[in-house]
Amino acid sequence: MVISKPYSSKIAIAQLRWGNVHVVTELKTRVPYHYVTRNVSLNQYICLSTNNGRIDLLNNDGTLLREISLSSDIKESVQSILRLSNLNVCNLMVTISDCAPNKLMALNLNGEKVFEYNHPDLRGPDQIAVDSSGNVYVTSYNQSIHQISPSGQYIRSLLLGKGIDSSYGLCLNSTFDKIAVGCCVLGHPHLRVYTYT
């Protein structure tokens, strides 16, 4: 797992061992990154700095490979992203959630917008997961997960049931038939696993 440490301008690489997080190494970065994800296929880190609206590609030792060039309107959107945002990479596409305007935006690695997603039922999009087909899953405050096609089209909503106050983690299993949601239920942390087809 990758952990961003923006206040010390570091990225921590960690592993889960027997239910505990163990930091394997830390990479010093030249600017603070608030959100980091790993592009496994390219063996790179994609890093978002909300201070200046930059999206950078770093190699495994934390050095800058290149900045993803963004148009002024996309850069403005990236700068306006609040704390409740996330990014994930699949099929060489960066997907960014933005809670404030209730939207999701996907960019290719050249900084061009692939799609922008809004839906009347999408409230506070936050956590993102992507399946092997490139479908995007994003949590919504209305106790659901939106499934979106790789081109940004609504597929369906997966209802999570009542009682979830907020979500703070989302992942799919290796066979993509279960979704795990780290969430807060009545003020207490929970991990819920849902099976879907």
C-alpha atoms as a PDB file:
ATOM      1  CA  MET A   1       0.000   0.000   0.000  1.00  0.00           C
ATOM      2  CA  VAL A   2       1.059   3.594  -0.574  1.00  0.00           C
ATOM      3  CA  ILE A   3       0.581   6.268   2.088  1.00  0.00           C
ATOM      4  CA  SER A   4       0.944   9.970   1.345  1.00  0.00           C
ATOM      5  CA  LYS A   5       2.633  12.090   4.010  1.00  0.00           C
ATOM      6  CA  PRO A   6       2.199  15.620   2.645  1.00  0.00           C
ATOM      7  CA  TYR A   7       3.382  17.475   5.748  1.00  0.00           C
ATOM      8  CA  SER A   8       6.818  15.858   5.546  1.00  0.00           C
ATOM      9  CA  SER A   9       6.945  15.643   1.698  1.00  0.00           C
ATOM     10  CA  LYS A  10       7.219  11.860   1.786  1.00  0.00           C
ATOM     11  CA  ILE A  11       5.490   8.792   0.386  1.00  0.00           C
ATOM     12  CA  ALA A  12       5.514   5.678   2.572  1.00  0.00           C
ATOM     13  CA  ILE A  13       5.388   2.184   1.102  1.00  0.00           C
ATOM     14  CA  ALA A  14       3.774  -0.171   3.608  1.00  0.00           C
ATOM     15  CA  GLN A  15       2.561  -3.753   3.953  1.00  0.00           C
ATOM     16  CA  LEU A  16      -0.126  -5.356   6.061  1.00  0.00           C
ATOM     17  CA  ARG A  17       1.300  -8.074   8.293  1.00  0.00           C
ATOM     18  CA  TRP A  18      -0.941  -9.929  10.743  1.00  0.00           C
ATOM     19  CA  GLY A  19      -3.406  -7.050  10.725  1.00  0.00           C
ATOM     20  CA  ASN A  20      -0.777  -4.354  11.373  1.00  0.00           C
ATOM     21  CA  VAL A  21       0.667  -1.759   9.002  1.00  0.00           C
ATOM     22  CA  HIS A  22       4.457  -1.968   8.622  1.00  0.00           C
ATOM     23  CA  VAL A  23       6.327   0.765   6.729  1.00  0.00           C
ATOM     24  CA  VAL A  24       8.806  -0.859   4.341  1.00  0.00           C
ATOM     25  CA  THR A  25      10.409   2.324   3.023  1.00  0.00           C
ATOM     26  CA  GLU A  26       9.810   6.038   2.654  1.00  0.00           C
ATOM     27  CA  LEU A  27      10.485   8.141  -0.419  1.00  0.00           C
ATOM     28  CA  LYS A  28      11.333  11.839  -0.094  1.00  0.00           C
ATOM     29  CA  THR A  29       9.502  13.954  -2.687  1.00  0.00           C
ATOM     30  CA  ARG A  30      10.270  17.469  -3.896  1.00  0.00           C
ATOM     31  CA  VAL A  31       6.734  18.746  -3.238  1.00  0.00           C
ATOM     32  CA  PRO A  32       4.011  17.602  -0.824  1.00  0.00           C
ATOM     33  CA  TYR A  33       1.526  15.200  -2.412  1.00  0.00           C
ATOM     34  CA  HIS A  34      -1.880  14.780  -0.814  1.00  0.00           C
ATOM     35  CA  TYR A  35      -3.000  11.771  -2.832  1.00  0.00           C
ATOM     36  CA  VAL A  36      -0.852   9.001  -4.286  1.00  0.00           C
ATOM     37  CA  THR A  37      -1.663   5.837  -6.197  1.00  0.00           C
ATOM     38  CA  ARG A  38       0.556   3.248  -7.830  1.00  0.00           C
ATOM     39  CA  ASN A  39       0.345   2.357 -11.479  1.00  0.00           C
ATOM     40  CA  VAL A  40       1.391  -1.294 -11.242  1.00  0.00           C
ATOM     41  CA  SER A  41       1.649  -1.865 -15.002  1.00  0.00           C
ATOM     42  CA  LEU A  42       4.155   0.999 -15.429  1.00  0.00           C
ATOM     43  CA  ASN A  43       5.753   0.596 -11.974  1.00  0.00           C
ATOM     44  CA  GLN A  44       5.206   4.305 -11.264  1.00  0.00           C
ATOM     45  CA  TYR A  45       3.475   6.502  -8.718  1.00  0.00           C
ATOM     46  CA  ILE A  46       0.862   9.032  -9.771  1.00  0.00           C
ATOM     47  CA  CYS A  47       0.760  11.877  -7.287  1.00  0.00           C
ATOM     48  CA  LEU A  48      -1.681  14.743  -6.834  1.00  0.00           C
ATOM     49  CA  SER A  49      -0.632  17.962  -5.142  1.00  0.00           C
ATOM     50  CA  THR A  50      -3.652  20.102  -4.338  1.00  0.00           C
ATOM     51  CA  ASN A  51      -1.378  23.047  -3.468  1.00  0.00           C
ATOM     52  CA  ASN A  52      -0.621  23.816  -7.101  1.00  0.00           C
ATOM     53  CA  GLY A  53      -2.945  21.484  -9.013  1.00  0.00           C
ATOM     54  CA  ARG A  54      -0.111  19.263 -10.233  1.00  0.00           C
ATOM     55  CA  ILE A  55      -0.328  15.627 -11.172  1.00  0.00           C
ATOM     56  CA  ASP A  56       3.148  14.101 -11.331  1.00  0.00           C
ATOM     57  CA  LEU A  57       4.514  10.718 -12.371  1.00  0.00           C
ATOM     58  CA  LEU A  58       7.315   9.466 -10.109  1.00  0.00           C
ATOM     59  CA  ASN A  59       9.528   6.433 -10.494  1.00  0.00           C
ATOM     60  CA  ASN A  60      10.159   3.885  -7.727  1.00  0.00           C
ATOM     61  CA  ASP A  61      12.766   6.015  -5.930  1.00  0.00           C
ATOM     62  CA  GLY A  62      10.492   9.069  -5.777  1.00  0.00           C
ATOM     63  CA  THR A  63      12.171  11.132  -8.489  1.00  0.00           C
ATOM     64  CA  LEU A  64      10.024  13.036 -10.955  1.00  0.00           C
ATOM     65  CA  LEU A  65       9.603  11.401 -14.354  1.00  0.00           C
ATOM     66  CA  ARG A  66       7.236  14.035 -15.704  1.00  0.00           C
ATOM     67  CA  GLU A  67       4.349  16.310 -14.865  1.00  0.00           C
ATOM     68  CA  ILE A  68       1.038  15.537 -16.529  1.00  0.00           C
ATOM     69  CA  SER A  69       0.171  18.685 -18.480  1.00  0.00           C
ATOM     70  CA  LEU A  70      -3.273  20.002 -17.604  1.00  0.00           C
ATOM     71  CA  SER A  71      -5.396  22.618 -19.326  1.00  0.00           C
ATOM     72  CA  SER A  72      -6.246  25.643 -17.182  1.00  0.00           C
ATOM     73  CA  ASP A  73      -9.844  24.498 -16.519  1.00  0.00           C
ATOM     74  CA  ILE A  74      -8.738  21.003 -15.474  1.00  0.00           C
ATOM     75  CA  LYS A  75      -5.936  22.458 -13.321  1.00  0.00           C
ATOM     76  CA  GLU A  76      -8.511  24.709 -11.626  1.00  0.00           C
ATOM     77  CA  SER A  77     -10.691  21.665 -10.906  1.00  0.00           C
ATOM     78  CA  VAL A  78      -7.726  19.791  -9.442  1.00  0.00           C
ATOM     79  CA  GLN A  79      -6.786  22.773  -7.235  1.00  0.00           C
ATOM     80  CA  SER A  80     -10.347  23.026  -5.902  1.00  0.00           C
ATOM     81  CA  ILE A  81     -10.431  19.402  -4.741  1.00  0.00           C
ATOM     82  CA  LEU A  82     -11.122  19.183  -1.050  1.00  0.00           C
ATOM     83  CA  ARG A  83      -9.959  16.702   1.570  1.00  0.00           C
ATOM     84  CA  LEU A  84     -12.565  14.103   0.579  1.00  0.00           C
ATOM     85  CA  SER A  85     -11.028  13.155  -2.743  1.00  0.00           C
ATOM     86  CA  ASN A  86      -9.288  10.157  -4.133  1.00  0.00           C
ATOM     87  CA  LEU A  87      -7.581   8.971  -7.269  1.00  0.00           C
ATOM     88  CA  ASN A  88      -7.065   5.578  -8.802  1.00  0.00           C
ATOM     89  CA  VAL A  89      -5.396   4.303 -11.948  1.00  0.00           C
ATOM     90  CA  CYS A  90      -6.603   1.732 -14.445  1.00  0.00           C
ATOM     91  CA  ASN A  91      -5.992   1.403 -18.166  1.00  0.00           C
ATOM     92  CA  LEU A  92      -3.626   4.400 -17.982  1.00  0.00           C
ATOM     93  CA  MET A  93      -6.420   6.672 -16.799  1.00  0.00           C
ATOM     94  CA  VAL A  94      -6.525   8.783 -13.633  1.00  0.00           C
ATOM     95  CA  THR A  95      -9.946   9.053 -11.978  1.00  0.00           C
ATOM     96  CA  ILE A  96     -10.426  11.873  -9.475  1.00  0.00           C
ATOM     97  CA  SER A  97     -13.414  12.270  -7.170  1.00  0.00           C
ATOM     98  CA  ASP A  98     -14.458  15.703  -5.986  1.00  0.00           C
ATOM     99  CA  CYS A  99     -16.956  15.957  -3.142  1.00  0.00           C
ATOM    100  CA  ALA A 100     -17.830  19.632  -3.450  1.00  0.00           C
ATOM    101  CA  PRO A 101     -19.544  19.633  -6.870  1.00  0.00           C
ATOM    102  CA  ASN A 102     -20.494  15.918  -6.666  1.00  0.00           C
ATOM    103  CA  LYS A 103     -18.554  14.859  -9.733  1.00  0.00           C
ATOM    104  CA  LEU A 104     -15.981  12.416 -10.963  1.00  0.00           C
ATOM    105  CA  MET A 105     -13.396  13.253 -13.609  1.00  0.00           C
ATOM    106  CA  ALA A 106     -11.151  10.871 -15.544  1.00  0.00           C
ATOM    107  CA  LEU A 107      -7.977  11.971 -17.306  1.00  0.00           C
ATOM    108  CA  ASN A 108      -5.557  10.083 -19.502  1.00  0.00           C
ATOM    109  CA  LEU A 109      -1.844  10.303 -18.738  1.00  0.00           C
ATOM    110  CA  ASN A 110      -1.524  13.182 -21.224  1.00  0.00           C
ATOM    111  CA  GLY A 111      -3.835  15.269 -19.016  1.00  0.00           C
ATOM    112  CA  GLU A 112      -6.790  15.141 -21.414  1.00  0.00           C
ATOM    113  CA  LYS A 113     -10.271  14.687 -20.000  1.00  0.00           C
ATOM    114  CA  VAL A 114     -11.690  11.241 -20.832  1.00  0.00           C
ATOM    115  CA  PHE A 115     -15.002  11.853 -19.084  1.00  0.00           C
ATOM    116  CA  GLU A 116     -16.729  13.854 -16.412  1.00  0.00           C
ATOM    117  CA  TYR A 117     -19.461  12.079 -14.459  1.00  0.00           C
ATOM    118  CA  ASN A 118     -22.408  13.624 -12.630  1.00  0.00           C
ATOM    119  CA  HIS A 119     -25.555  11.838 -11.520  1.00  0.00           C
ATOM    120  CA  PRO A 120     -28.562  13.126  -9.533  1.00  0.00           C
ATOM    121  CA  ASP A 121     -28.062  10.369  -6.918  1.00  0.00           C
ATOM    122  CA  LEU A 122     -24.303  10.873  -6.533  1.00  0.00           C
ATOM    123  CA  ARG A 123     -23.644  12.671  -3.249  1.00  0.00           C
ATOM    124  CA  GLY A 124     -20.153  13.320  -1.915  1.00  0.00           C
ATOM    125  CA  PRO A 125     -18.207  10.968  -4.197  1.00  0.00           C
ATOM    126  CA  ASP A 126     -15.154   9.829  -2.312  1.00  0.00           C
ATOM    127  CA  GLN A 127     -13.581   6.381  -2.462  1.00  0.00           C
ATOM    128  CA  ILE A 128     -12.779   4.851  -5.850  1.00  0.00           C
ATOM    129  CA  ALA A 129     -12.031   1.317  -7.041  1.00  0.00           C
ATOM    130  CA  VAL A 130     -11.582   0.041 -10.595  1.00  0.00           C
ATOM    131  CA  ASP A 131     -12.204  -3.495 -11.873  1.00  0.00           C
ATOM    132  CA  SER A 132     -10.271  -5.412 -14.530  1.00  0.00           C
ATOM    133  CA  SER A 133     -12.631  -4.167 -17.262  1.00  0.00           C
ATOM    134  CA  GLY A 134     -12.003  -0.536 -16.318  1.00  0.00           C
ATOM    135  CA  ASN A 135     -15.414  -0.010 -14.696  1.00  0.00           C
ATOM    136  CA  VAL A 136     -15.185   2.605 -11.952  1.00  0.00           C
ATOM    137  CA  TYR A 137     -16.864   2.191  -8.550  1.00  0.00           C
ATOM    138  CA  VAL A 138     -17.336   5.278  -6.389  1.00  0.00           C
ATOM    139  CA  THR A 139     -18.943   5.618  -2.971  1.00  0.00           C
ATOM    140  CA  SER A 140     -21.828   8.027  -2.431  1.00  0.00           C
ATOM    141  CA  TYR A 141     -23.167   9.466   0.829  1.00  0.00           C
ATOM    142  CA  ASN A 142     -26.612   8.072   0.025  1.00  0.00           C
ATOM    143  CA  GLN A 143     -25.409   4.606   1.130  1.00  0.00           C
ATOM    144  CA  SER A 144     -24.660   3.350  -2.349  1.00  0.00           C
ATOM    145  CA  ILE A 145     -21.820   2.718  -4.771  1.00  0.00           C
ATOM    146  CA  HIS A 146     -22.125   3.916  -8.356  1.00  0.00           C
ATOM    147  CA  GLN A 147     -20.759   1.609 -11.048  1.00  0.00           C
ATOM    148  CA  ILE A 148     -19.604   3.627 -14.060  1.00  0.00           C
ATOM    149  CA  SER A 149     -18.324   2.394 -17.429  1.00  0.00           C
ATOM    150  CA  PRO A 150     -14.782   3.218 -18.640  1.00  0.00           C
ATOM    151  CA  SER A 151     -16.360   5.897 -20.858  1.00  0.00           C
ATOM    152  CA  GLY A 152     -18.169   7.549 -17.921  1.00  0.00           C
ATOM    153  CA  GLN A 153     -21.672   6.131 -18.400  1.00  0.00           C
ATOM    154  CA  TYR A 154     -23.857   5.172 -15.436  1.00  0.00           C
ATOM    155  CA  ILE A 155     -24.275   1.389 -15.183  1.00  0.00           C
ATOM    156  CA  ARG A 156     -26.023   0.922 -11.844  1.00  0.00           C
ATOM    157  CA  SER A 157     -26.075   1.723  -8.148  1.00  0.00           C
ATOM    158  CA  LEU A 158     -25.182  -0.927  -5.601  1.00  0.00           C
ATOM    159  CA  LEU A 159     -27.112  -0.304  -2.389  1.00  0.00           C
ATOM    160  CA  LEU A 160     -25.150  -0.777   0.827  1.00  0.00           C
ATOM    161  CA  GLY A 161     -28.015  -0.780   3.300  1.00  0.00           C
ATOM    162  CA  LYS A 162     -28.873   1.589   6.093  1.00  0.00           C
ATOM    163  CA  GLY A 163     -26.681   2.802   8.891  1.00  0.00           C
ATOM    164  CA  ILE A 164     -23.490   3.775   7.063  1.00  0.00           C
ATOM    165  CA  ASP A 165     -22.490   7.297   8.066  1.00  0.00           C
ATOM    166  CA  SER A 166     -19.507   7.606   5.730  1.00  0.00           C
ATOM    167  CA  SER A 167     -17.013   5.465   3.845  1.00  0.00           C
ATOM    168  CA  TYR A 168     -13.251   5.743   4.019  1.00  0.00           C
ATOM    169  CA  GLY A 169     -12.074   2.791   1.960  1.00  0.00           C
ATOM    170  CA  LEU A 170     -13.216   0.762  -1.035  1.00  0.00           C
ATOM    171  CA  CYS A 171     -11.627  -2.215  -2.772  1.00  0.00           C
ATOM    172  CA  LEU A 172     -12.545  -5.198  -4.924  1.00  0.00           C
ATOM    173  CA  ASN A 173     -11.318  -8.766  -4.428  1.00  0.00           C
ATOM    174  CA  SER A 174      -9.167 -10.509  -7.040  1.00  0.00           C
ATOM    175  CA  THR A 175     -12.172 -12.195  -8.709  1.00  0.00           C
ATOM    176  CA  PHE A 176     -14.147  -8.915  -8.756  1.00  0.00           C
ATOM    177  CA  ASP A 177     -17.296 -10.421  -7.243  1.00  0.00           C
ATOM    178  CA  LYS A 178     -16.973  -8.818  -3.791  1.00  0.00           C
ATOM    179  CA  ILE A 179     -16.609  -5.224  -2.652  1.00  0.00           C
ATOM    180  CA  ALA A 180     -15.132  -4.335   0.723  1.00  0.00           C
ATOM    181  CA  VAL A 181     -16.143  -0.992   2.209  1.00  0.00           C
ATOM    182  CA  GLY A 182     -14.360   0.535   5.174  1.00  0.00           C
ATOM    183  CA  CYS A 183     -17.059   2.645   6.756  1.00  0.00           C
ATOM    184  CA  CYS A 184     -18.347   4.379   9.827  1.00  0.00           C
ATOM    185  CA  VAL A 185     -21.594   2.979  11.269  1.00  0.00           C
ATOM    186  CA  LEU A 186     -23.182   4.968  14.077  1.00  0.00           C
ATOM    187  CA  GLY A 187     -19.808   6.536  14.804  1.00  0.00           C
ATOM    188  CA  HIS A 188     -17.865   3.249  14.943  1.00  0.00           C
ATOM    189  CA  PRO A 189     -15.465   1.842  12.307  1.00  0.00           C
ATOM    190  CA  HIS A 190     -16.620  -1.215  10.377  1.00  0.00           C
ATOM    191  CA  LEU A 191     -15.529  -3.281   7.415  1.00  0.00           C
ATOM    192  CA  ARG A 192     -18.421  -4.549   5.335  1.00  0.00           C
ATOM    193  CA  VAL A 193     -18.044  -7.005   2.471  1.00  0.00           C
ATOM    194  CA  TYR A 194     -20.735  -7.258  -0.202  1.00  0.00           C
ATOM    195  CA  THR A 195     -21.160  -9.914  -2.884  1.00  0.00           C
ATOM    196  CA  TYR A 196     -22.526  -8.751  -6.211  1.00  0.00           C
ATOM    197  CA  THR A 197     -22.971 -10.066  -9.735  1.00  0.00           C
END
